[in-house]
Amino acid sequence: MAQGPKSQDKRSLGFSRGPNERWSHFAERVSNAFGLVLVLVLATYVLGSLTPFHGWTAALTTLVAALAGVVGLAGAQVRPVVIRVAASAALAAVILAVIAAIADGRHLLGVSSFVVALLMLIAAGAILRAVLAETEVGFRTILGAISVYATFGILFTFLYAALDRIQSTPFFGTGASVKGGDFMFFSFTTLTTTGYGDLVPAAQPGKMFAGTEMLIGQIFLVTLVAGLVSLWRPGGVIGRLRDRREQA
């Protein structure tokens, strides 16, 4: 059934729920607008910042991050087979994290973190492709671009945590005192090129990945996000809704 103009405009606003709209349909709309992805990514950020990345808190953080990756792929409307494979990979990562929590398996958690990092990379690529394919800059486009940027921070967090647990020496060096949330803090300060200098990768390939994250953060902000924000005209959508209400 074709949607009317008012329904289409409401859809473009993303978080606006109709008075008679089912919650399941509303959740699907928010997911398609990448709103749910951003919420899950922010939840991962909070969990990863406030809790240590080991034991059951690491399993919980892995679960939320993996869910964000799968929802991101669904919101980007990739092929169903890709979503099924991603869901299987997410489940495998969570199971490995749970086993690591039970058996105190450092290397198992490292493998789980690598899987999540790969899942976030694929999800970021799919969302970015969906954003670039949009013919008009709207609420979905802006949310998608912000979600991709935040996803990169989560991606590198899991990558650094994986390296710390798999390589022979700690990621920040043997003399560093790593606390809960330090990998998340280091990743986002690197992504934004703030670089306080209190946490520094001790060796390769950590230094290489940190440099890559710096480049991604700068290029993404300067080119895509700044360009999309300059083209976005939220007043146009709101104005059309106001006019149609007055005509009704």
Protein backbone atom coordinates (compact mmCIF):
# COMPACT_ATOMS: atom_id res chain seq x y z
CA MET A 1 0.00 0.00 0.00
CA ALA A 2 1.38 3.40 -0.97
CA GLN A 3 2.11 5.84 1.83
CA GLY A 4 0.65 9.30 1.85
CA PRO A 5 2.73 12.49 2.00
CA LYS A 6 2.23 12.90 5.73
CA SER A 7 3.38 9.32 6.39
CA GLN A 8 6.44 9.80 4.20
CA ASP A 9 7.43 13.02 5.95
CA LYS A 10 6.98 11.40 9.35
CA ARG A 11 9.20 8.55 8.22
CA SER A 12 11.91 11.02 7.22
CA LEU A 13 11.97 12.44 10.76
CA GLY A 14 13.04 9.04 12.06
CA PHE A 15 12.07 9.22 15.76
CA SER A 16 8.50 10.55 15.29
CA ARG A 17 5.96 7.86 16.19
CA GLY A 18 2.42 8.04 14.86
CA PRO A 19 -0.48 7.87 17.37
CA ASN A 20 -1.73 4.54 15.97
CA GLU A 21 1.61 3.15 14.82
CA ARG A 22 2.63 -0.28 16.12
CA TRP A 23 5.79 -0.35 18.21
CA SER A 24 7.26 -3.06 15.98
CA HIS A 25 6.83 -0.85 12.92
CA PHE A 26 8.25 2.13 14.81
CA ALA A 27 11.34 0.10 15.84
CA GLU A 28 11.84 -1.00 12.25
CA ARG A 29 11.64 2.61 11.07
CA VAL A 30 14.15 3.78 13.66
CA SER A 31 16.47 0.96 12.64
CA ASN A 32 16.19 1.93 8.97
CA ALA A 33 17.00 5.50 10.00
CA PHE A 34 20.14 4.20 11.79
CA GLY A 35 18.82 5.58 15.08
CA LEU A 36 18.89 2.18 16.78
CA VAL A 37 22.43 1.61 15.52
CA LEU A 38 23.59 4.85 17.10
CA VAL A 39 21.87 3.99 20.39
CA LEU A 40 23.60 0.58 20.52
CA VAL A 41 26.97 2.10 19.60
CA LEU A 42 26.61 4.69 22.37
CA ALA A 43 25.59 1.93 24.80
CA THR A 44 28.76 0.06 23.84
CA TYR A 45 30.76 3.22 24.45
CA VAL A 46 29.30 3.67 27.92
CA LEU A 47 29.79 0.01 28.86
CA GLY A 48 33.32 -0.07 27.48
CA SER A 49 34.21 3.14 29.30
CA LEU A 50 32.80 2.31 32.73
CA THR A 51 33.55 -1.41 33.01
CA PRO A 52 36.78 -3.44 32.67
CA PHE A 53 37.13 -5.46 29.48
CA HIS A 54 37.41 -8.89 31.03
CA GLY A 55 35.10 -11.45 32.56
CA TRP A 56 31.34 -11.01 32.32
CA THR A 57 31.48 -7.27 31.68
CA ALA A 58 33.56 -7.99 28.55
CA ALA A 59 30.93 -10.52 27.44
CA LEU A 60 28.17 -7.94 27.93
CA THR A 61 30.08 -5.27 26.00
CA THR A 62 30.73 -7.79 23.23
CA LEU A 63 27.02 -8.64 23.06
CA VAL A 64 25.92 -5.00 22.68
CA ALA A 65 28.65 -4.22 20.11
CA ALA A 66 27.86 -7.33 18.05
CA LEU A 67 24.17 -6.46 18.12
CA ALA A 68 25.00 -2.96 16.87
CA GLY A 69 26.87 -4.45 13.93
CA VAL A 70 24.01 -6.76 12.93
CA VAL A 71 21.38 -4.01 13.30
CA GLY A 72 23.58 -1.71 11.23
CA LEU A 73 23.69 -4.22 8.40
CA ALA A 74 19.91 -4.66 8.59
CA GLY A 75 19.38 -0.89 8.55
CA ALA A 76 21.66 -0.61 5.52
CA GLN A 77 19.38 -3.18 3.81
CA VAL A 78 22.12 -5.55 2.75
CA ARG A 79 21.27 -8.98 1.36
CA PRO A 80 19.61 -11.38 3.84
CA VAL A 81 22.44 -13.89 3.48
CA VAL A 82 24.92 -11.25 4.67
CA ILE A 83 22.76 -10.52 7.72
CA ARG A 84 22.53 -14.24 8.52
CA VAL A 85 26.31 -14.67 8.28
CA ALA A 86 26.83 -11.55 10.40
CA ALA A 87 24.37 -12.81 13.02
CA SER A 88 26.21 -16.15 13.16
CA ALA A 89 29.55 -14.36 13.57
CA ALA A 90 28.05 -12.15 16.30
CA LEU A 91 26.74 -15.21 18.13
CA ALA A 92 30.13 -16.91 17.86
CA ALA A 93 31.86 -13.81 19.27
CA VAL A 94 29.48 -13.68 22.24
CA ILE A 95 29.89 -17.41 22.94
CA LEU A 96 33.67 -17.06 22.86
CA ALA A 97 33.46 -14.10 25.26
CA VAL A 98 31.23 -16.08 27.63
CA ILE A 99 33.61 -19.08 27.55
CA ALA A 100 36.50 -16.69 28.17
CA ALA A 101 34.66 -15.31 31.19
CA ILE A 102 34.06 -18.80 32.58
CA ALA A 103 37.52 -20.23 31.87
CA ASP A 104 39.46 -16.96 32.18
CA GLY A 105 40.65 -17.47 28.61
CA ARG A 106 42.66 -14.44 27.57
CA HIS A 107 43.23 -15.62 24.00
CA LEU A 108 39.59 -16.62 23.52
CA LEU A 109 38.52 -13.09 24.38
CA GLY A 110 41.11 -11.82 21.91
CA VAL A 111 39.63 -13.93 19.11
CA SER A 112 36.14 -12.77 20.08
CA SER A 113 37.29 -9.15 19.91
CA PHE A 114 38.77 -9.68 16.45
CA VAL A 115 35.44 -11.08 15.24
CA VAL A 116 33.57 -8.07 16.61
CA ALA A 117 36.08 -5.67 15.04
CA LEU A 118 35.58 -7.36 11.66
CA LEU A 119 31.81 -7.26 12.08
CA MET A 120 31.92 -3.54 12.91
CA LEU A 121 34.12 -2.90 9.87
CA ILE A 122 31.62 -4.60 7.55
CA ALA A 123 28.70 -2.79 9.18
CA ALA A 124 30.45 0.60 8.88
CA GLY A 125 31.11 -0.06 5.20
CA ALA A 126 27.49 -1.05 4.55
CA ILE A 127 26.10 1.99 6.37
CA LEU A 128 28.54 4.29 4.58
CA ARG A 129 27.51 2.86 1.22
CA ALA A 130 23.83 3.42 2.12
CA VAL A 131 24.58 7.01 3.16
CA LEU A 132 26.43 7.77 -0.08
CA ALA A 133 23.61 6.23 -2.11
CA GLU A 134 21.02 8.63 -0.69
CA THR A 135 19.73 11.09 -3.27
CA GLU A 136 18.72 13.65 -0.64
CA VAL A 137 20.41 14.56 2.63
CA GLY A 138 17.92 13.91 5.42
CA PHE A 139 17.65 12.66 8.97
CA ARG A 140 18.57 9.09 7.97
CA THR A 141 21.67 10.32 6.15
CA ILE A 142 22.96 12.37 9.08
CA LEU A 143 22.30 9.58 11.59
CA GLY A 144 24.06 7.15 9.30
CA ALA A 145 27.16 9.32 8.99
CA ILE A 146 27.36 9.85 12.76
CA SER A 147 26.84 6.13 13.34
CA VAL A 148 29.71 5.25 11.00
CA TYR A 149 32.04 7.69 12.76
CA ALA A 150 31.19 6.34 16.21
CA THR A 151 31.40 2.78 14.92
CA PHE A 152 35.01 3.34 13.88
CA GLY A 153 35.82 4.24 17.48
CA ILE A 154 34.23 1.00 18.72
CA LEU A 155 35.89 -1.00 15.94
CA PHE A 156 39.40 0.11 16.90
CA THR A 157 38.63 -0.37 20.59
CA PHE A 158 37.99 -4.07 20.00
CA LEU A 159 40.98 -4.30 17.68
CA TYR A 160 43.32 -2.86 20.33
CA ALA A 161 41.83 -5.12 23.00
CA ALA A 162 42.32 -8.14 20.73
CA LEU A 163 45.97 -7.25 20.10
CA ASP A 164 46.53 -6.81 23.82
CA ARG A 165 45.31 -10.33 24.50
CA ILE A 166 46.81 -12.18 21.55
CA GLN A 167 50.29 -10.70 21.10
CA SER A 168 53.12 -11.64 23.45
CA THR A 169 53.43 -8.19 25.06
CA PRO A 170 50.68 -5.84 26.35
CA PHE A 171 49.36 -3.28 23.87
CA PHE A 172 50.48 -0.30 26.00
CA GLY A 173 53.73 -1.94 27.14
CA THR A 174 54.70 -3.95 30.18
CA GLY A 175 55.10 -0.92 32.44
CA ALA A 176 51.68 0.61 31.70
CA SER A 177 48.85 0.40 34.23
CA VAL A 178 45.74 -0.33 32.16
CA LYS A 179 42.39 0.30 33.83
CA GLY A 180 38.81 -0.35 32.77
CA GLY A 181 37.81 1.77 29.80
CA ASP A 182 41.36 2.65 28.75
CA PHE A 183 41.06 0.99 25.34
CA MET A 184 37.83 2.89 24.65
CA PHE A 185 39.40 6.13 25.84
CA PHE A 186 42.52 5.61 23.74
CA SER A 187 40.50 4.74 20.63
CA PHE A 188 38.27 7.81 20.71
CA THR A 189 41.07 10.22 21.59
CA THR A 190 42.98 8.75 18.65
CA LEU A 191 39.95 8.97 16.33
CA THR A 192 39.48 12.64 17.18
CA THR A 193 43.28 13.21 17.16
CA THR A 194 43.09 14.67 20.68
CA GLY A 195 46.01 12.48 21.75
CA TYR A 196 46.60 13.25 25.43
CA GLY A 197 49.72 11.07 25.36
CA ASP A 198 49.04 9.20 28.61
CA LEU A 199 48.37 6.00 26.65
CA VAL A 200 50.63 5.04 23.75
CA PRO A 201 50.92 1.75 21.83
CA ALA A 202 54.23 0.13 22.67
CA ALA A 203 54.94 -1.67 19.38
CA GLN A 204 53.68 -2.70 15.97
CA PRO A 205 51.11 -3.36 14.66
CA GLY A 206 49.45 -1.24 17.33
CA LYS A 207 51.20 1.94 16.19
CA MET A 208 50.18 1.30 12.58
CA PHE A 209 46.51 0.80 13.50
CA ALA A 210 46.54 3.91 15.70
CA GLY A 211 47.89 5.97 12.79
CA THR A 212 45.23 4.49 10.52
CA GLU A 213 42.51 5.48 12.99
CA MET A 214 43.84 9.05 13.09
CA LEU A 215 43.68 9.31 9.30
CA ILE A 216 40.18 7.85 9.16
CA GLY A 217 38.92 10.23 11.84
CA GLN A 218 40.26 13.33 10.14
CA ILE A 219 39.28 12.39 6.59
CA PHE A 220 35.79 11.33 7.66
CA LEU A 221 35.05 14.52 9.58
CA VAL A 222 36.54 16.93 7.06
CA THR A 223 34.97 15.37 3.98
CA LEU A 224 31.79 13.38 4.60
CA VAL A 225 30.27 14.65 7.86
CA ALA A 226 31.02 18.32 7.22
CA GLY A 227 29.70 18.04 3.66
CA LEU A 228 26.47 16.31 4.71
CA VAL A 229 25.75 18.77 7.51
CA SER A 230 26.24 21.71 5.14
CA LEU A 231 23.72 20.20 2.71
CA TRP A 232 21.12 19.23 5.30
CA ARG A 233 18.08 21.49 5.44
CA PRO A 234 15.94 20.27 8.38
CA GLY A 235 13.78 23.36 8.21
CA GLY A 236 12.49 22.28 4.81
CA VAL A 237 10.95 19.08 6.14
CA ILE A 238 9.52 20.78 9.23
CA GLY A 239 8.13 23.61 7.11
CA ARG A 240 6.37 21.20 4.75
CA LEU A 241 4.78 19.39 7.69
CA ARG A 242 3.59 22.69 9.17
CA ASP A 243 2.06 23.76 5.86
CA ARG A 244 0.21 20.47 5.44
CA ARG A 245 -1.17 20.64 8.99
CA GLU A 246 -2.47 24.12 8.31
CA GLN A 247 -4.07 23.00 5.01
CA ALA A 248 -5.72 20.04 6.76
